[in-house]
Amino acid sequence: MSVDAPDLRRIGPRLDALVAEVEAIADPRSRARARELVAVLLEVHGAGLARVLELVAETVADPGALFSRLSADELVAGLLVLHGLLPEPGPEPEPAGPAPAAATARAAGVPVRLRRGPR
């Protein structure tokens, strides 16, 4: 399955404009609520991506190769970096062997931070 990636050059300026609009909201309470909404959405998406990485690490034969491929994709890598799930570009060590999912992901250079809570 192939998904068309959005044009990041077009989306970046649009995001900047939306952030500027939120920051220009005169009512401090409304501005704070808008910021909180974005923060909560990012937290949920980040937790979901972390869980995806954990599940992938548990099921694929070579999670290091998969994480390398994910980090090479501009859109995916950007999301992972945004959520603190992938360090800034740099060398990634190969996993040392079978390990729990989070340890396997970390061995592949993905600093997974999972939060336990209701599923």
C-alpha atoms as a PDB file:
ATOM      1  CA  MET A   1       0.000   0.000   0.000  1.00  0.00           C
ATOM      2  CA  SER A   2       1.385   3.359  -0.980  1.00  0.00           C
ATOM      3  CA  VAL A   3       0.159   6.595   0.525  1.00  0.00           C
ATOM      4  CA  ASP A   4       0.791   9.953  -1.072  1.00  0.00           C
ATOM      5  CA  ALA A   5       2.755  12.061   1.390  1.00  0.00           C
ATOM      6  CA  PRO A   6       1.633  15.628   1.868  1.00  0.00           C
ATOM      7  CA  ASP A   7       3.792  18.357   0.378  1.00  0.00           C
ATOM      8  CA  LEU A   8       5.850  19.287   3.446  1.00  0.00           C
ATOM      9  CA  ARG A   9       7.043  22.515   1.803  1.00  0.00           C
ATOM     10  CA  ARG A  10       3.409  23.618   1.592  1.00  0.00           C
ATOM     11  CA  ILE A  11       2.341  22.375   5.014  1.00  0.00           C
ATOM     12  CA  GLY A  12       5.217  23.974   6.958  1.00  0.00           C
ATOM     13  CA  PRO A  13       4.234  27.561   6.138  1.00  0.00           C
ATOM     14  CA  ARG A  14       0.553  26.715   6.778  1.00  0.00           C
ATOM     15  CA  LEU A  15       1.449  25.361  10.229  1.00  0.00           C
ATOM     16  CA  ASP A  16       3.493  28.482  10.942  1.00  0.00           C
ATOM     17  CA  ALA A  17       0.520  30.658   9.956  1.00  0.00           C
ATOM     18  CA  LEU A  18      -1.871  28.689  12.174  1.00  0.00           C
ATOM     19  CA  VAL A  19       0.500  28.907  15.139  1.00  0.00           C
ATOM     20  CA  ALA A  20       0.759  32.663  14.600  1.00  0.00           C
ATOM     21  CA  GLU A  21      -3.054  32.907  14.533  1.00  0.00           C
ATOM     22  CA  VAL A  22      -3.324  30.998  17.809  1.00  0.00           C
ATOM     23  CA  GLU A  23      -0.651  33.169  19.404  1.00  0.00           C
ATOM     24  CA  ALA A  24      -2.563  36.256  18.254  1.00  0.00           C
ATOM     25  CA  ILE A  25      -5.779  35.247  20.044  1.00  0.00           C
ATOM     26  CA  ALA A  26      -6.509  38.162  22.348  1.00  0.00           C
ATOM     27  CA  ASP A  27      -8.294  36.176  25.051  1.00  0.00           C
ATOM     28  CA  PRO A  28      -5.589  34.468  27.166  1.00  0.00           C
ATOM     29  CA  ARG A  29      -7.951  31.670  28.250  1.00  0.00           C
ATOM     30  CA  SER A  30      -8.910  30.829  24.661  1.00  0.00           C
ATOM     31  CA  ARG A  31      -5.263  30.970  23.592  1.00  0.00           C
ATOM     32  CA  ALA A  32      -4.293  28.628  26.449  1.00  0.00           C
ATOM     33  CA  ARG A  33      -7.113  26.203  25.553  1.00  0.00           C
ATOM     34  CA  ALA A  34      -5.994  26.123  21.917  1.00  0.00           C
ATOM     35  CA  ARG A  35      -2.420  25.389  23.007  1.00  0.00           C
ATOM     36  CA  GLU A  36      -3.660  22.683  25.373  1.00  0.00           C
ATOM     37  CA  LEU A  37      -5.703  21.088  22.600  1.00  0.00           C
ATOM     38  CA  VAL A  38      -2.634  20.857  20.365  1.00  0.00           C
ATOM     39  CA  ALA A  39      -0.501  19.504  23.224  1.00  0.00           C
ATOM     40  CA  VAL A  40      -3.035  16.796  24.090  1.00  0.00           C
ATOM     41  CA  LEU A  41      -3.399  15.760  20.450  1.00  0.00           C
ATOM     42  CA  LEU A  42       0.387  15.542  20.106  1.00  0.00           C
ATOM     43  CA  GLU A  43       0.591  13.493  23.299  1.00  0.00           C
ATOM     44  CA  VAL A  44      -2.025  11.014  22.049  1.00  0.00           C
ATOM     45  CA  HIS A  45      -0.382  10.703  18.638  1.00  0.00           C
ATOM     46  CA  GLY A  46       3.057  10.305  20.201  1.00  0.00           C
ATOM     47  CA  ALA A  47       1.821   7.558  22.520  1.00  0.00           C
ATOM     48  CA  GLY A  48       0.170   5.801  19.577  1.00  0.00           C
ATOM     49  CA  LEU A  49       3.340   5.971  17.496  1.00  0.00           C
ATOM     50  CA  ALA A  50       5.390   4.669  20.420  1.00  0.00           C
ATOM     51  CA  ARG A  51       3.017   1.736  20.768  1.00  0.00           C
ATOM     52  CA  VAL A  52       3.246   1.035  17.016  1.00  0.00           C
ATOM     53  CA  LEU A  53       7.036   0.932  17.298  1.00  0.00           C
ATOM     54  CA  GLU A  54       6.805  -1.412  20.265  1.00  0.00           C
ATOM     55  CA  LEU A  55       4.432  -3.770  18.424  1.00  0.00           C
ATOM     56  CA  VAL A  56       6.594  -3.699  15.310  1.00  0.00           C
ATOM     57  CA  ALA A  57       9.710  -4.489  17.330  1.00  0.00           C
ATOM     58  CA  GLU A  58       7.885  -7.488  18.821  1.00  0.00           C
ATOM     59  CA  THR A  59       6.801  -8.905  15.461  1.00  0.00           C
ATOM     60  CA  VAL A  60       9.350  -8.209  12.740  1.00  0.00           C
ATOM     61  CA  ALA A  61      12.398 -10.388  12.181  1.00  0.00           C
ATOM     62  CA  ASP A  62      14.785  -7.443  11.812  1.00  0.00           C
ATOM     63  CA  PRO A  63      13.471  -4.401  13.705  1.00  0.00           C
ATOM     64  CA  GLY A  64      16.765  -2.562  13.210  1.00  0.00           C
ATOM     65  CA  ALA A  65      16.353  -2.670   9.434  1.00  0.00           C
ATOM     66  CA  LEU A  66      12.762  -1.519   9.692  1.00  0.00           C
ATOM     67  CA  PHE A  67      13.641   1.368  12.016  1.00  0.00           C
ATOM     68  CA  SER A  68      16.425   2.350   9.621  1.00  0.00           C
ATOM     69  CA  ARG A  69      13.923   2.404   6.773  1.00  0.00           C
ATOM     70  CA  LEU A  70      11.422   4.409   8.825  1.00  0.00           C
ATOM     71  CA  SER A  71      14.082   6.930   9.786  1.00  0.00           C
ATOM     72  CA  ALA A  72      15.048   7.312   6.119  1.00  0.00           C
ATOM     73  CA  ASP A  73      11.504   8.359   5.176  1.00  0.00           C
ATOM     74  CA  GLU A  74      11.219  12.146   5.448  1.00  0.00           C
ATOM     75  CA  LEU A  75       7.595  12.216   6.598  1.00  0.00           C
ATOM     76  CA  VAL A  76       7.822   9.303   9.050  1.00  0.00           C
ATOM     77  CA  ALA A  77      11.168  10.407  10.477  1.00  0.00           C
ATOM     78  CA  GLY A  78       9.816  13.912  11.001  1.00  0.00           C
ATOM     79  CA  LEU A  79       6.878  12.555  12.994  1.00  0.00           C
ATOM     80  CA  LEU A  80       9.098  10.282  15.056  1.00  0.00           C
ATOM     81  CA  VAL A  81      11.512  13.124  15.839  1.00  0.00           C
ATOM     82  CA  LEU A  82       8.592  15.428  16.696  1.00  0.00           C
ATOM     83  CA  HIS A  83       7.353  12.921  19.265  1.00  0.00           C
ATOM     84  CA  GLY A  84      10.795  12.170  20.687  1.00  0.00           C
ATOM     85  CA  LEU A  85      10.774   8.633  19.301  1.00  0.00           C
ATOM     86  CA  LEU A  86      13.746   9.031  17.005  1.00  0.00           C
ATOM     87  CA  PRO A  87      16.901  10.973  17.724  1.00  0.00           C
ATOM     88  CA  GLU A  88      18.086  13.575  15.306  1.00  0.00           C
ATOM     89  CA  PRO A  89      19.692  11.876  12.288  1.00  0.00           C
ATOM     90  CA  GLY A  90      22.808   9.912  13.106  1.00  0.00           C
ATOM     91  CA  PRO A  91      24.209   6.388  13.052  1.00  0.00           C
ATOM     92  CA  GLU A  92      21.930   3.650  14.356  1.00  0.00           C
ATOM     93  CA  PRO A  93      23.351   0.552  16.028  1.00  0.00           C
ATOM     94  CA  GLU A  94      22.031  -2.868  15.068  1.00  0.00           C
ATOM     95  CA  PRO A  95      20.036  -4.690  17.742  1.00  0.00           C
ATOM     96  CA  ALA A  96      22.059  -7.291  19.679  1.00  0.00           C
ATOM     97  CA  GLY A  97      19.419 -10.025  19.467  1.00  0.00           C
ATOM     98  CA  PRO A  98      15.992 -10.909  20.778  1.00  0.00           C
ATOM     99  CA  ALA A  99      14.895  -8.545  23.539  1.00  0.00           C
ATOM    100  CA  PRO A 100      11.715  -6.994  24.876  1.00  0.00           C
ATOM    101  CA  ALA A 101      10.105  -4.613  22.402  1.00  0.00           C
ATOM    102  CA  ALA A 102      11.186  -1.348  23.983  1.00  0.00           C
ATOM    103  CA  ALA A 103      14.760  -2.606  24.427  1.00  0.00           C
ATOM    104  CA  THR A 104      14.837  -3.768  20.812  1.00  0.00           C
ATOM    105  CA  ALA A 105      13.599  -0.391  19.619  1.00  0.00           C
ATOM    106  CA  ARG A 106      16.171   1.395  21.770  1.00  0.00           C
ATOM    107  CA  ALA A 107      18.914  -0.877  20.448  1.00  0.00           C
ATOM    108  CA  ALA A 108      17.890   0.249  16.973  1.00  0.00           C
ATOM    109  CA  GLY A 109      18.339   3.878  18.004  1.00  0.00           C
ATOM    110  CA  VAL A 110      14.690   4.602  18.815  1.00  0.00           C
ATOM    111  CA  PRO A 111      14.300   6.029  22.332  1.00  0.00           C
ATOM    112  CA  VAL A 112      10.852   4.621  23.121  1.00  0.00           C
ATOM    113  CA  ARG A 113       9.114   6.173  26.090  1.00  0.00           C
ATOM    114  CA  LEU A 114       5.906   4.341  26.859  1.00  0.00           C
ATOM    115  CA  ARG A 115       3.224   5.358  29.285  1.00  0.00           C
ATOM    116  CA  ARG A 116       1.170   2.675  30.883  1.00  0.00           C
ATOM    117  CA  GLY A 117      -2.513   3.356  31.225  1.00  0.00           C
ATOM    118  CA  PRO A 118      -5.947   2.098  30.202  1.00  0.00           C
ATOM    119  CA  ARG A 119      -6.099   0.482  26.817  1.00  0.00           C
END
